[in-house]
């Protein structure tokens, strides 16, 4: 449902007509053009009213885009038919008793391409475009289907239904652009001409593709008989994949199926090459620190899940020492704090959160020094770094502040841990988390005192110190932090049975983050002050103390709650205080 007069276009850019106020768009199958239809449902009206009026839409473009998306969904549910697809035809692919054969393969489906395009709209500023609340949207008539498959991955009528819904969503996005007064046109990444061939006498597979539009993050999936094989079976990859790839023809991916998938043979397979907008990346990001402190750059890789990580996945200790794994957390709203001291908070930007706390090995690979007090030679590399100050992490490594600093600026000192990471990865947004980001990531959708979501868990009475629920979630004073059942503080040279644990030793939360309770206190970006709510709260404007969260190996259970916050002097160092890396996306 549109405000004012809006030009509506097909997915290929062809004009359909003008929609007047109160009208919408209906898309049909069998090649029919979209046509105008009244979109007068109460649900659509509710979403439209939320951003009605040009000025309001301009002030809150994210809400306008969200409204357009919801209205498009309503149209789809109301007007579009459900089509039952016929059985898919066979697709040549992996074949032979010993090997993987060749064949014409499909690129990412239209549904995936549209989904990535929409993510890009919500997370990028277009080139040469007016700024609209920091986000960009395509102009009317802009071609928005990013991929034309060589062979449809969902053949027949089902693909028609997918295409119809894609057109409907595309039209809604175009309308939102016009409603908000944005007229920018920008390229989107497009994958085409995907080919797959087996090297003779081997189980090594070459996948070639063309990338146009703009540079993109490229990932590879393999399907057999229309079903994706597990991400864990497509990990031995090299070439133009799992990273930012520049546009060009005959981009090359090499998949060692003999290592990943040694016992499997199939006659029906295809490759799915997906191009992700750089500002709307896949689920997992990995920073390769193996070059050490003297290297000029740290490569950055992207994966669709932690199961897609090479070298056996997270269980490989490389990810606790030489590579830093981060998982994408979608923006959202939650209640921050607990009880009477709780506030409604909305996070308006997606972000990555470190799967593990930053370890001593990772700190050494960036800074070339080892500051931690827990120094057992056999385990220190994989235990969290501690004994580092807020200033050493992100401001002056000589342990003093820079000016201006947070929240006036997100600048970091070039020689700090964050400064080196930003410089050597080329990534903006790497930093400590805001306090709100930390609690949101810790809770992972739960509202209970610990992030396992168990409503029976509590920290009252006898559970305030030793706690059976916390025992499985993280290292604290009474499950190994102290010796003798919580009586004696451990020595610096103790093994990981006491003091800090090797990261990832306890159960993760629902979003795959480990040690959000206990092990070490985790520094946040915010300076300490009264807890507040709202959109993207940033803490106190000044002060000599910062916020720490999570509790630690020397804490009782009551201090390890999701909502518990502690004040830590910024310049101080402690063997119970460390941090976790976050990255806020544009």
Protein backbone atom coordinates (compact mmCIF):
# COMPACT_ATOMS: atom_id res chain seq x y z
CA UNK A 1 0.00 0.00 0.00
CA UNK A 2 1.64 3.17 -1.18
CA UNK A 3 1.55 6.82 -0.27
CA UNK A 4 1.32 9.06 -3.31
CA UNK A 5 2.04 8.08 -6.90
CA UNK A 6 4.59 5.27 -7.33
CA UNK A 7 6.15 3.78 -10.46
CA UNK A 8 5.97 -0.02 -10.32
CA UNK A 9 8.43 -2.16 -12.29
CA UNK A 10 8.90 -5.81 -13.05
CA UNK A 11 11.97 -7.68 -11.77
CA UNK A 12 13.64 -7.19 -15.18
CA UNK A 13 13.15 -3.43 -14.96
CA UNK A 14 10.20 -3.15 -17.33
CA UNK A 15 7.54 -0.64 -16.27
CA UNK A 16 4.10 -1.84 -15.14
CA UNK A 17 2.30 1.36 -14.32
CA UNK A 18 1.61 3.87 -11.59
CA UNK A 19 0.09 3.02 -8.23
CA UNK A 20 -1.99 5.70 -6.60
CA UNK A 21 -2.41 6.17 -2.85
CA UNK A 22 -3.98 3.11 -1.24
CA UNK A 23 -3.18 0.75 -4.10
CA UNK A 24 -0.82 -2.21 -4.11
CA UNK A 25 0.62 -4.77 -6.55
CA UNK A 26 -0.33 -8.32 -7.40
CA UNK A 27 2.05 -10.69 -9.22
CA UNK A 28 0.81 -13.74 -11.15
CA UNK A 29 2.39 -16.90 -12.55
CA UNK A 30 2.93 -18.07 -16.13
CA UNK A 31 4.79 -14.95 -17.17
CA UNK A 32 1.96 -12.51 -16.41
CA UNK A 33 3.00 -9.00 -15.59
CA UNK A 34 2.35 -7.62 -12.12
CA UNK A 35 -0.75 -5.45 -11.99
CA UNK A 36 -2.29 -2.98 -9.61
CA UNK A 37 -4.77 -4.10 -6.98
CA UNK A 38 -6.24 -2.47 -3.90
CA UNK A 39 -4.31 -3.52 -0.81
CA UNK A 40 -6.89 -2.64 1.81
CA UNK A 41 -6.36 -5.33 4.43
CA UNK A 42 -6.39 -4.19 8.01
CA UNK A 43 -2.94 -5.68 8.61
CA UNK A 44 -1.45 -3.80 5.64
CA UNK A 45 -3.08 -0.59 6.81
CA UNK A 46 -1.56 -1.03 10.27
CA UNK A 47 1.96 -1.33 8.86
CA UNK A 48 1.45 1.55 6.45
CA UNK A 49 0.12 3.84 9.17
CA UNK A 50 3.30 3.24 11.16
CA UNK A 51 5.33 5.16 8.58
CA UNK A 52 2.62 7.23 6.91
CA UNK A 53 3.74 10.69 5.83
CA UNK A 54 6.85 11.51 3.85
CA UNK A 55 8.69 13.20 6.69
CA UNK A 56 8.14 10.34 9.09
CA UNK A 57 9.40 7.85 6.54
CA UNK A 58 12.49 9.95 5.95
CA UNK A 59 13.21 10.10 9.66
CA UNK A 60 12.87 6.34 10.06
CA UNK A 61 13.72 4.63 6.75
CA UNK A 62 14.40 1.31 8.49
CA UNK A 63 10.80 1.28 9.71
CA UNK A 64 9.59 2.17 6.21
CA UNK A 65 11.48 -0.76 4.70
CA UNK A 66 10.20 -3.07 7.42
CA UNK A 67 6.65 -1.90 6.74
CA UNK A 68 7.10 -2.53 3.01
CA UNK A 69 8.38 -6.04 3.71
CA UNK A 70 5.47 -6.87 6.01
CA UNK A 71 2.94 -5.49 3.53
CA UNK A 72 4.51 -7.54 0.74
CA UNK A 73 4.16 -10.64 2.90
CA UNK A 74 0.51 -9.80 3.51
CA UNK A 75 -0.08 -9.44 -0.24
CA UNK A 76 1.56 -12.79 -0.84
CA UNK A 77 -0.56 -14.57 1.75
CA UNK A 78 -3.71 -12.89 0.47
CA UNK A 79 -3.32 -12.99 -3.29
CA UNK A 80 -0.68 -15.48 -4.42
CA UNK A 81 -1.62 -19.12 -5.01
CA UNK A 82 0.33 -22.07 -3.66
CA UNK A 83 1.59 -24.27 -6.47
CA UNK A 84 2.56 -27.90 -6.01
CA UNK A 85 5.74 -28.61 -8.01
CA UNK A 86 6.19 -31.68 -10.18
CA UNK A 87 9.03 -34.12 -9.45
CA UNK A 88 12.37 -32.53 -10.40
CA UNK A 89 14.24 -33.83 -13.44
CA UNK A 90 17.69 -35.39 -12.88
CA UNK A 91 20.62 -33.01 -12.91
CA UNK A 92 24.01 -34.37 -13.97
CA UNK A 93 26.78 -33.81 -11.48
CA UNK A 94 28.96 -35.99 -9.29
CA UNK A 95 29.30 -39.40 -10.91
CA UNK A 96 31.45 -42.47 -11.34
CA UNK A 97 32.64 -45.16 -8.95
CA UNK A 98 35.79 -43.37 -7.96
CA UNK A 99 35.23 -39.85 -8.98
CA UNK A 100 33.10 -36.77 -9.28
CA UNK A 101 31.82 -36.09 -12.76
CA UNK A 102 31.03 -32.93 -14.64
CA UNK A 103 27.83 -31.26 -15.71
CA UNK A 104 25.88 -28.03 -16.11
CA UNK A 105 25.15 -26.76 -12.62
CA UNK A 106 22.72 -24.27 -11.14
CA UNK A 107 23.75 -21.12 -9.37
CA UNK A 108 21.88 -19.80 -6.33
CA UNK A 109 18.11 -19.89 -6.65
CA UNK A 110 16.05 -16.79 -7.33
CA UNK A 111 14.77 -16.95 -3.80
CA UNK A 112 18.28 -16.82 -2.39
CA UNK A 113 19.29 -14.06 -4.76
CA UNK A 114 16.34 -11.88 -3.79
CA UNK A 115 16.97 -12.56 -0.12
CA UNK A 116 20.55 -11.42 -0.40
CA UNK A 117 19.53 -8.36 -2.39
CA UNK A 118 17.07 -7.34 0.28
CA UNK A 119 19.70 -7.81 2.99
CA UNK A 120 21.99 -5.62 0.96
CA UNK A 121 19.33 -2.91 0.75
CA UNK A 122 18.97 -2.89 4.49
CA UNK A 123 22.67 -2.84 5.23
CA UNK A 124 24.52 -0.66 2.73
CA UNK A 125 24.85 2.91 1.60
CA UNK A 126 24.68 2.90 -2.21
CA UNK A 127 27.43 4.44 -4.24
CA UNK A 128 26.74 8.05 -5.28
CA UNK A 129 23.40 8.12 -3.49
CA UNK A 130 21.73 10.46 -1.04
CA UNK A 131 21.95 9.32 2.55
CA UNK A 132 18.63 8.24 4.02
CA UNK A 133 19.19 7.39 7.65
CA UNK A 134 22.46 5.68 6.74
CA UNK A 135 20.74 3.15 4.47
CA UNK A 136 20.16 2.89 0.73
CA UNK A 137 17.35 1.54 -1.43
CA UNK A 138 17.10 0.97 -5.21
CA UNK A 139 15.33 3.41 -7.48
CA UNK A 140 12.18 2.59 -9.41
CA UNK A 141 12.96 0.49 -12.46
CA UNK A 142 16.22 -0.89 -11.06
CA UNK A 143 16.77 -4.54 -11.92
CA UNK A 144 16.78 -6.49 -8.68
CA UNK A 145 16.92 -10.22 -9.44
CA UNK A 146 20.59 -10.90 -8.89
CA UNK A 147 20.94 -14.35 -10.42
CA UNK A 148 19.58 -16.17 -13.45
CA UNK A 149 20.16 -19.90 -12.87
CA UNK A 150 21.73 -22.02 -15.57
CA UNK A 151 19.30 -24.70 -14.38
CA UNK A 152 16.70 -23.89 -11.74
CA UNK A 153 17.47 -25.48 -8.40
CA UNK A 154 13.73 -25.75 -7.69
CA UNK A 155 12.32 -26.64 -11.12
CA UNK A 156 8.81 -26.16 -12.43
CA UNK A 157 5.83 -24.54 -10.82
CA UNK A 158 7.43 -24.13 -7.40
CA UNK A 159 9.99 -21.85 -9.00
CA UNK A 160 7.16 -19.80 -10.48
CA UNK A 161 5.71 -19.30 -7.01
CA UNK A 162 9.13 -18.28 -5.69
CA UNK A 163 9.57 -15.82 -8.56
CA UNK A 164 6.13 -14.31 -7.95
CA UNK A 165 6.87 -13.67 -4.32
CA UNK A 166 10.25 -12.25 -5.27
CA UNK A 167 8.60 -9.79 -7.67
CA UNK A 168 6.11 -8.77 -5.01
CA UNK A 169 8.86 -8.08 -2.48
CA UNK A 170 10.86 -6.25 -5.12
CA UNK A 171 7.94 -3.95 -5.92
CA UNK A 172 7.44 -3.22 -2.22
CA UNK A 173 11.10 -2.25 -1.89
CA UNK A 174 10.86 0.00 -4.95
CA UNK A 175 7.80 1.66 -3.49
CA UNK A 176 9.53 2.20 -0.17
CA UNK A 177 12.38 3.90 -2.01
CA UNK A 178 10.06 6.34 -3.72
CA UNK A 179 8.02 6.94 -0.57
CA UNK A 180 11.18 7.89 1.32
CA UNK A 181 12.43 10.15 -1.43
CA UNK A 182 15.47 8.01 -2.26
CA UNK A 183 16.44 7.78 -5.91
CA UNK A 184 19.72 5.89 -5.82
CA UNK A 185 20.74 3.17 -8.21
CA UNK A 186 23.48 0.76 -7.24
CA UNK A 187 24.88 -2.50 -8.50
CA UNK A 188 24.17 -5.82 -6.85
CA UNK A 189 26.39 -8.87 -7.13
CA UNK A 190 25.30 -11.37 -9.78
CA UNK A 191 26.55 -14.91 -10.32
CA UNK A 192 26.15 -16.60 -13.70
CA UNK A 193 27.61 -19.26 -15.99
CA UNK A 194 28.38 -21.80 -13.26
CA UNK A 195 30.23 -24.91 -14.45
CA UNK A 196 31.57 -27.88 -12.54
CA UNK A 197 34.12 -30.45 -13.72
CA UNK A 198 36.03 -33.27 -12.14
CA UNK A 199 39.75 -33.57 -12.65
CA UNK A 200 40.47 -36.86 -14.38
CA UNK A 201 41.48 -39.67 -12.06
CA UNK A 202 40.85 -37.65 -8.91
CA UNK A 203 38.05 -36.54 -6.62
CA UNK A 204 39.03 -32.89 -7.01
CA UNK A 205 36.26 -30.71 -8.42
CA UNK A 206 36.68 -27.39 -10.25
CA UNK A 207 33.77 -24.94 -10.10
CA UNK A 208 33.90 -21.92 -12.41
CA UNK A 209 31.56 -18.95 -12.35
CA UNK A 210 31.25 -15.34 -13.50
CA UNK A 211 30.68 -12.52 -11.02
CA UNK A 212 29.31 -9.15 -12.14
CA UNK A 213 27.72 -6.09 -10.59
CA UNK A 214 30.11 -5.57 -7.71
CA UNK A 215 32.57 -7.42 -5.50
CA UNK A 216 30.90 -9.94 -3.20
CA UNK A 217 31.50 -12.61 -0.59
CA UNK A 218 31.12 -15.95 -2.38
CA UNK A 219 30.16 -19.27 -0.79
CA UNK A 220 29.69 -22.74 -2.27
CA UNK A 221 27.08 -25.37 -1.49
CA UNK A 222 26.60 -28.78 -3.09
CA UNK A 223 23.24 -30.48 -3.64
CA UNK A 224 22.50 -34.08 -4.57
CA UNK A 225 19.05 -35.07 -5.78
CA UNK A 226 17.83 -31.61 -4.78
CA UNK A 227 19.01 -31.94 -1.18
CA UNK A 228 21.98 -29.92 0.17
CA UNK A 229 24.76 -32.05 1.59
CA UNK A 230 25.94 -30.94 5.06
CA UNK A 231 28.14 -27.85 5.33
CA UNK A 232 30.69 -30.06 7.08
CA UNK A 233 31.15 -31.97 3.79
CA UNK A 234 32.07 -28.86 1.79
CA UNK A 235 35.03 -27.42 3.69
CA UNK A 236 38.19 -28.25 1.73
CA UNK A 237 37.87 -25.28 -0.58
CA UNK A 238 40.35 -22.92 -2.18
CA UNK A 239 40.34 -20.17 -4.77
CA UNK A 240 37.64 -17.52 -5.19
CA UNK A 241 35.43 -18.64 -2.34
CA UNK A 242 34.77 -17.92 1.36
CA UNK A 243 36.12 -14.39 0.95
CA UNK A 244 35.51 -11.12 -0.86
CA UNK A 245 35.87 -11.78 -4.61
CA UNK A 246 36.25 -9.07 -7.24
CA UNK A 247 34.03 -9.08 -10.33
CA UNK A 248 35.28 -11.02 -13.34
CA UNK A 249 34.80 -14.06 -15.53
CA UNK A 250 35.92 -17.63 -14.86
CA UNK A 251 36.32 -17.17 -11.13
CA UNK A 252 37.55 -20.49 -9.81
CA UNK A 253 36.72 -22.66 -6.80
CA UNK A 254 38.54 -25.92 -6.09
CA UNK A 255 36.74 -28.46 -3.90
CA UNK A 256 38.61 -31.51 -2.64
CA UNK A 257 35.66 -33.89 -2.45
CA UNK A 258 38.03 -36.78 -1.85
CA UNK A 259 38.84 -35.38 1.59
CA UNK A 260 35.41 -33.95 2.45
CA UNK A 261 33.20 -36.68 0.98
CA UNK A 262 35.37 -39.76 0.42
CA UNK A 263 32.76 -42.52 0.57
CA UNK A 264 30.00 -40.90 -1.47
CA UNK A 265 29.16 -41.25 -5.15
CA UNK A 266 26.18 -39.69 -6.89
CA UNK A 267 24.82 -39.24 -10.39
CA UNK A 268 22.73 -36.18 -9.52
CA UNK A 269 24.46 -33.17 -8.07
CA UNK A 270 24.82 -29.47 -8.57
CA UNK A 271 26.80 -26.56 -7.20
CA UNK A 272 25.14 -23.57 -5.58
CA UNK A 273 27.33 -20.49 -5.83
CA UNK A 274 25.97 -17.64 -3.70
CA UNK A 275 27.16 -14.03 -3.83
CA UNK A 276 26.60 -12.14 -0.58
CA UNK A 277 26.72 -8.37 -0.48
CA UNK A 278 29.81 -7.26 1.42
CA UNK A 279 27.67 -5.30 3.87
CA UNK A 280 25.29 -8.25 4.39
CA UNK A 281 27.76 -11.10 4.97
CA UNK A 282 27.16 -14.79 5.84
CA UNK A 283 26.68 -16.22 9.32
CA UNK A 284 30.30 -16.83 10.30
CA UNK A 285 33.38 -14.65 9.91
CA UNK A 286 36.91 -15.84 10.69
CA UNK A 287 40.00 -13.66 11.07
CA UNK A 288 43.22 -15.54 10.30
CA UNK A 289 45.88 -14.43 12.79
CA UNK A 290 48.42 -17.10 11.86
CA UNK A 291 50.76 -14.53 10.28
CA UNK A 292 51.53 -13.25 13.75
CA UNK A 293 52.22 -9.76 15.03
CA UNK A 294 54.67 -8.83 12.27
CA UNK A 295 52.45 -9.59 9.27
CA UNK A 296 50.96 -6.75 7.24
CA UNK A 297 47.49 -8.26 6.93
CA UNK A 298 45.10 -10.77 8.43
CA UNK A 299 42.94 -12.57 5.84
CA UNK A 300 39.21 -12.68 6.56
CA UNK A 301 37.05 -15.67 5.59
CA UNK A 302 33.29 -16.18 5.63
CA UNK A 303 31.18 -19.33 6.02
CA UNK A 304 27.49 -20.14 6.04
CA UNK A 305 27.74 -21.91 9.43
CA UNK A 306 30.30 -23.09 11.98
CA UNK A 307 29.85 -26.57 10.48
CA UNK A 308 31.42 -25.21 7.27
CA UNK A 309 34.70 -24.33 9.02
CA UNK A 310 37.66 -26.27 7.58
CA UNK A 311 40.07 -28.44 9.56
CA UNK A 312 37.33 -30.26 11.46
CA UNK A 313 35.39 -27.26 12.76
CA UNK A 314 35.44 -25.57 16.15
CA UNK A 315 36.93 -28.59 17.89
CA UNK A 316 40.23 -27.86 16.16
CA UNK A 317 42.39 -25.80 18.50
CA UNK A 318 43.45 -23.57 15.61
CA UNK A 319 40.25 -21.60 16.28
CA UNK A 320 41.35 -20.92 19.84
CA UNK A 321 44.82 -19.67 18.95
CA UNK A 322 45.55 -18.72 15.34
CA UNK A 323 42.06 -17.97 14.00
CA UNK A 324 39.31 -15.89 15.57
CA UNK A 325 35.75 -17.09 14.92
CA UNK A 326 32.75 -14.75 15.06
CA UNK A 327 29.05 -15.54 14.63
CA UNK A 328 26.48 -13.14 13.20
CA UNK A 329 23.72 -11.91 15.52
CA UNK A 330 20.66 -10.32 13.97
CA UNK A 331 19.41 -7.01 15.30
CA UNK A 332 16.39 -7.11 17.59
CA UNK A 333 14.66 -5.93 20.75
CA UNK A 334 14.78 -7.34 24.28
CA UNK A 335 14.37 -6.44 27.93
CA UNK A 336 17.78 -5.50 29.34
CA UNK A 337 18.43 -5.96 33.04
CA UNK A 338 16.12 -7.74 35.45
CA UNK A 339 13.26 -7.04 37.81
CA UNK A 340 12.47 -3.40 38.48
CA UNK A 341 15.80 -2.39 36.90
CA UNK A 342 14.92 -3.57 33.40
CA UNK A 343 14.55 -1.50 30.25
CA UNK A 344 13.27 -2.07 26.72
CA UNK A 345 16.21 -1.94 24.30
CA UNK A 346 16.28 -2.07 20.51
CA UNK A 347 19.48 -2.87 18.62
CA UNK A 348 19.20 -1.46 15.10
CA UNK A 349 22.32 -3.02 13.54
CA UNK A 350 23.39 -6.62 13.05
CA UNK A 351 26.72 -7.56 14.56
CA UNK A 352 29.22 -10.36 14.88
CA UNK A 353 30.13 -11.73 18.31
CA UNK A 354 33.21 -13.79 19.13
CA UNK A 355 32.29 -17.45 19.58
CA UNK A 356 35.02 -17.60 22.25
CA UNK A 357 36.60 -15.05 24.53
CA UNK A 358 39.82 -13.68 23.04
CA UNK A 359 42.58 -16.09 24.07
CA UNK A 360 46.18 -15.60 25.09
CA UNK A 361 47.28 -17.13 21.80
CA UNK A 362 45.17 -14.72 19.78
CA UNK A 363 46.40 -11.72 21.76
CA UNK A 364 50.01 -12.80 21.21
CA UNK A 365 49.43 -13.21 17.46
CA UNK A 366 48.23 -9.60 17.29
CA UNK A 367 50.32 -7.81 19.91
CA UNK A 368 53.48 -9.94 20.07
CA UNK A 369 53.45 -9.95 23.86
CA UNK A 370 52.01 -12.14 26.59
CA UNK A 371 50.46 -10.17 29.49
CA UNK A 372 48.38 -12.85 31.21
CA UNK A 373 49.05 -14.14 34.69
CA UNK A 374 47.77 -17.69 34.15
CA UNK A 375 50.89 -19.00 32.46
CA UNK A 376 50.77 -22.81 32.41
CA UNK A 377 52.84 -23.57 29.25
CA UNK A 378 50.64 -26.46 28.15
CA UNK A 379 47.34 -24.59 28.24
CA UNK A 380 47.86 -20.83 28.27
CA UNK A 381 47.50 -20.42 24.50
CA UNK A 382 43.89 -21.65 24.65
CA UNK A 383 42.81 -19.89 27.84
CA UNK A 384 41.31 -16.37 27.81
CA UNK A 385 43.69 -13.45 27.83
CA UNK A 386 43.47 -11.48 31.08
CA UNK A 387 45.46 -8.81 32.87
CA UNK A 388 44.84 -6.28 30.07
CA UNK A 389 43.23 -2.89 30.58
CA UNK A 390 40.45 -1.22 28.59
CA UNK A 391 43.01 1.23 27.20
CA UNK A 392 45.37 -1.52 26.06
CA UNK A 393 42.52 -3.26 24.27
CA UNK A 394 41.27 -0.29 22.26
CA UNK A 395 42.94 3.00 23.13
CA UNK A 396 46.55 3.76 24.07
CA UNK A 397 48.63 0.61 24.65
CA UNK A 398 50.68 2.71 27.08
CA UNK A 399 47.55 2.48 29.25
CA UNK A 400 46.10 5.94 28.82
CA UNK A 401 43.02 7.29 27.10
CA UNK A 402 42.73 8.79 23.63
CA UNK A 403 40.62 11.85 22.98
CA UNK A 404 37.87 11.85 21.86
CA UNK A 405 36.79 8.39 22.84
CA UNK A 406 33.61 6.40 23.34
CA UNK A 407 30.77 7.41 23.23
CA UNK A 408 31.79 10.62 21.45
CA UNK A 409 33.79 8.56 18.93
CA UNK A 410 34.44 4.91 18.14
CA UNK A 411 38.05 5.70 17.20
CA UNK A 412 40.80 3.41 18.47
CA UNK A 413 44.54 3.87 18.82
CA UNK A 414 46.53 2.46 15.89
CA UNK A 415 48.80 0.45 18.19
CA UNK A 416 46.05 -1.05 20.36
CA UNK A 417 44.66 -4.56 19.85
CA UNK A 418 41.60 -3.18 18.07
CA UNK A 419 43.68 -0.72 16.07
CA UNK A 420 45.92 -3.46 14.71
CA UNK A 421 42.95 -5.68 13.89
CA UNK A 422 41.13 -2.92 12.03
CA UNK A 423 44.22 -1.97 10.08
CA UNK A 424 45.31 -5.50 9.14
CA UNK A 425 41.84 -6.79 8.24
CA UNK A 426 40.52 -3.61 6.62
CA UNK A 427 37.30 -4.07 8.61
CA UNK A 428 35.48 -1.25 10.34
CA UNK A 429 33.36 -1.92 13.41
CA UNK A 430 35.74 -4.25 15.27
CA UNK A 431 35.55 -3.33 18.94
CA UNK A 432 34.34 -4.27 22.37
CA UNK A 433 30.56 -4.72 22.58
CA UNK A 434 28.25 -2.12 23.98
CA UNK A 435 26.71 -3.32 27.20
CA UNK A 436 23.38 -3.80 25.40
CA UNK A 437 25.00 -5.88 22.63
CA UNK A 438 26.72 -8.03 25.23
CA UNK A 439 23.56 -8.83 27.21
CA UNK A 440 21.53 -9.42 24.03
CA UNK A 441 24.17 -11.86 22.78
CA UNK A 442 24.45 -13.55 26.17
CA UNK A 443 20.73 -14.08 26.60
CA UNK A 444 20.25 -15.46 23.08
CA UNK A 445 16.52 -14.92 23.34
CA UNK A 446 16.13 -16.09 26.94
CA UNK A 447 14.74 -14.13 29.86
CA UNK A 448 16.02 -16.35 32.67
CA UNK A 449 18.90 -15.64 35.04
CA UNK A 450 21.22 -17.90 33.00
CA UNK A 451 21.16 -18.30 29.23
CA UNK A 452 20.12 -21.95 29.19
CA UNK A 453 16.51 -20.72 29.30
CA UNK A 454 15.65 -22.99 32.24
CA UNK A 455 12.95 -21.20 34.18
CA UNK A 456 13.73 -23.31 37.24
CA UNK A 457 17.29 -22.02 37.47
CA UNK A 458 17.80 -19.53 40.27
CA UNK A 459 20.51 -17.89 42.34
CA UNK A 460 18.67 -17.59 45.62
CA UNK A 461 19.50 -19.20 48.94
CA UNK A 462 21.90 -22.09 48.62
CA UNK A 463 22.19 -21.58 44.84
CA UNK A 464 23.72 -18.13 45.17
CA UNK A 465 27.23 -19.56 45.48
CA UNK A 466 27.46 -23.10 44.15
CA UNK A 467 24.84 -23.68 41.47
CA UNK A 468 23.99 -26.84 39.54
CA UNK A 469 22.61 -24.91 36.55
CA UNK A 470 25.76 -22.80 36.23
CA UNK A 471 28.03 -25.84 36.59
CA UNK A 472 27.45 -26.79 32.95
CA UNK A 473 27.57 -23.26 31.51
CA UNK A 474 30.89 -21.82 32.63
CA UNK A 475 33.85 -21.75 34.99
CA UNK A 476 33.16 -20.05 38.30
CA UNK A 477 34.52 -20.20 41.84
CA UNK A 478 32.76 -23.39 42.91
CA UNK A 479 33.21 -25.66 39.89
CA UNK A 480 36.99 -25.37 39.52
CA UNK A 481 37.82 -21.70 39.72
CA UNK A 482 39.17 -22.13 43.22
CA UNK A 483 40.79 -25.23 44.67
CA UNK A 484 39.28 -27.32 47.45
CA UNK A 485 35.69 -26.69 46.41
CA UNK A 486 35.93 -22.92 46.42
CA UNK A 487 38.32 -22.43 49.36
CA UNK A 488 41.79 -21.74 47.97
CA UNK A 489 42.77 -19.32 45.20
CA UNK A 490 44.85 -21.04 42.50
CA UNK A 491 48.45 -20.21 41.64
CA UNK A 492 49.31 -18.50 38.37
CA UNK A 493 50.92 -21.64 36.97
CA UNK A 494 47.90 -23.88 37.58
CA UNK A 495 46.46 -25.93 34.74
CA UNK A 496 43.00 -25.33 33.26
CA UNK A 497 41.32 -27.49 35.91
CA UNK A 498 41.52 -24.39 38.12
CA UNK A 499 41.49 -20.67 37.48
CA UNK A 500 40.49 -19.93 33.89
CA UNK A 501 39.31 -22.80 31.71
CA UNK A 502 40.24 -23.45 28.10
CA UNK A 503 37.66 -21.48 26.10
CA UNK A 504 34.76 -23.57 24.87
CA UNK A 505 34.99 -26.11 27.68
CA UNK A 506 31.37 -25.58 28.74
CA UNK A 507 28.02 -25.61 26.95
CA UNK A 508 27.29 -22.76 24.48
CA UNK A 509 24.14 -20.69 24.50
CA UNK A 510 21.43 -21.02 21.85
CA UNK A 511 23.37 -18.75 19.48
CA UNK A 512 26.57 -20.80 19.72
CA UNK A 513 28.54 -18.47 22.03
CA UNK A 514 30.68 -20.04 24.72
CA UNK A 515 31.65 -18.83 28.21
CA UNK A 516 29.13 -16.01 28.40
CA UNK A 517 28.84 -17.00 32.07
CA UNK A 518 32.08 -17.08 34.06
CA UNK A 519 35.69 -17.77 33.03
CA UNK A 520 36.70 -14.07 32.89
CA UNK A 521 34.81 -10.83 33.32
CA UNK A 522 34.30 -9.39 29.83
CA UNK A 523 34.90 -5.69 29.27
CA UNK A 524 32.22 -3.72 27.44
CA UNK A 525 32.63 -0.57 25.41
CA UNK A 526 30.45 1.56 27.69
CA UNK A 527 31.59 3.59 30.65
CA UNK A 528 29.84 2.71 33.87
CA UNK A 529 26.65 4.59 34.75
CA UNK A 530 22.95 4.01 35.33
CA UNK A 531 21.42 1.38 33.07
CA UNK A 532 19.24 2.87 30.32
CA UNK A 533 17.07 1.60 27.50
CA UNK A 534 16.02 2.82 24.08
CA UNK A 535 17.69 2.36 20.71
CA UNK A 536 21.39 1.40 20.80
CA UNK A 537 22.21 2.78 24.27
CA UNK A 538 25.84 3.83 24.69
CA UNK A 539 26.36 4.18 28.43
CA UNK A 540 27.70 7.13 30.41
CA UNK A 541 29.27 10.02 28.50
CA UNK A 542 32.37 10.11 30.72
CA UNK A 543 34.04 8.40 33.65
CA UNK A 544 37.10 6.46 34.74
CA UNK A 545 35.28 3.12 35.10
CA UNK A 546 33.77 0.82 32.53
CA UNK A 547 31.21 -1.98 32.54
CA UNK A 548 32.20 -5.64 32.80
CA UNK A 549 29.85 -8.58 32.41
CA UNK A 550 29.63 -12.39 32.84
CA UNK A 551 31.34 -13.04 36.17
CA UNK A 552 34.57 -15.02 36.32
CA UNK A 553 36.45 -18.01 37.67
CA UNK A 554 36.65 -16.30 41.08
CA UNK A 555 32.95 -15.33 41.25
CA UNK A 556 30.01 -16.94 42.99
CA UNK A 557 27.00 -17.90 40.88
CA UNK A 558 25.05 -14.77 41.79
CA UNK A 559 27.62 -12.63 39.95
CA UNK A 560 27.44 -14.68 36.75
CA UNK A 561 23.82 -13.89 35.86
CA UNK A 562 22.97 -12.62 32.37
CA UNK A 563 21.89 -9.27 33.78
CA UNK A 564 24.61 -8.71 36.37
CA UNK A 565 26.87 -5.73 35.70
CA UNK A 566 30.06 -4.74 37.46
CA UNK A 567 32.19 -1.59 37.57
CA UNK A 568 35.85 -1.96 36.56
CA UNK A 569 38.36 0.90 36.46
CA UNK A 570 39.45 1.37 32.84
CA UNK A 571 43.16 1.54 33.59
CA UNK A 572 43.21 -1.49 35.90
CA UNK A 573 44.46 -4.95 35.02
CA UNK A 574 43.29 -8.15 36.68
CA UNK A 575 43.74 -11.88 36.14
CA UNK A 576 39.95 -12.23 36.27
CA UNK A 577 39.16 -9.66 33.52
CA UNK A 578 39.37 -10.26 29.76
CA UNK A 579 37.16 -9.51 26.75
CA UNK A 580 35.35 -10.80 23.67
CA UNK A 581 35.60 -9.33 20.16
CA UNK A 582 32.50 -7.90 18.46
CA UNK A 583 31.98 -6.28 15.07
CA UNK A 584 29.03 -3.97 14.41
CA UNK A 585 27.89 -4.13 10.79
CA UNK A 586 26.91 -1.03 8.78
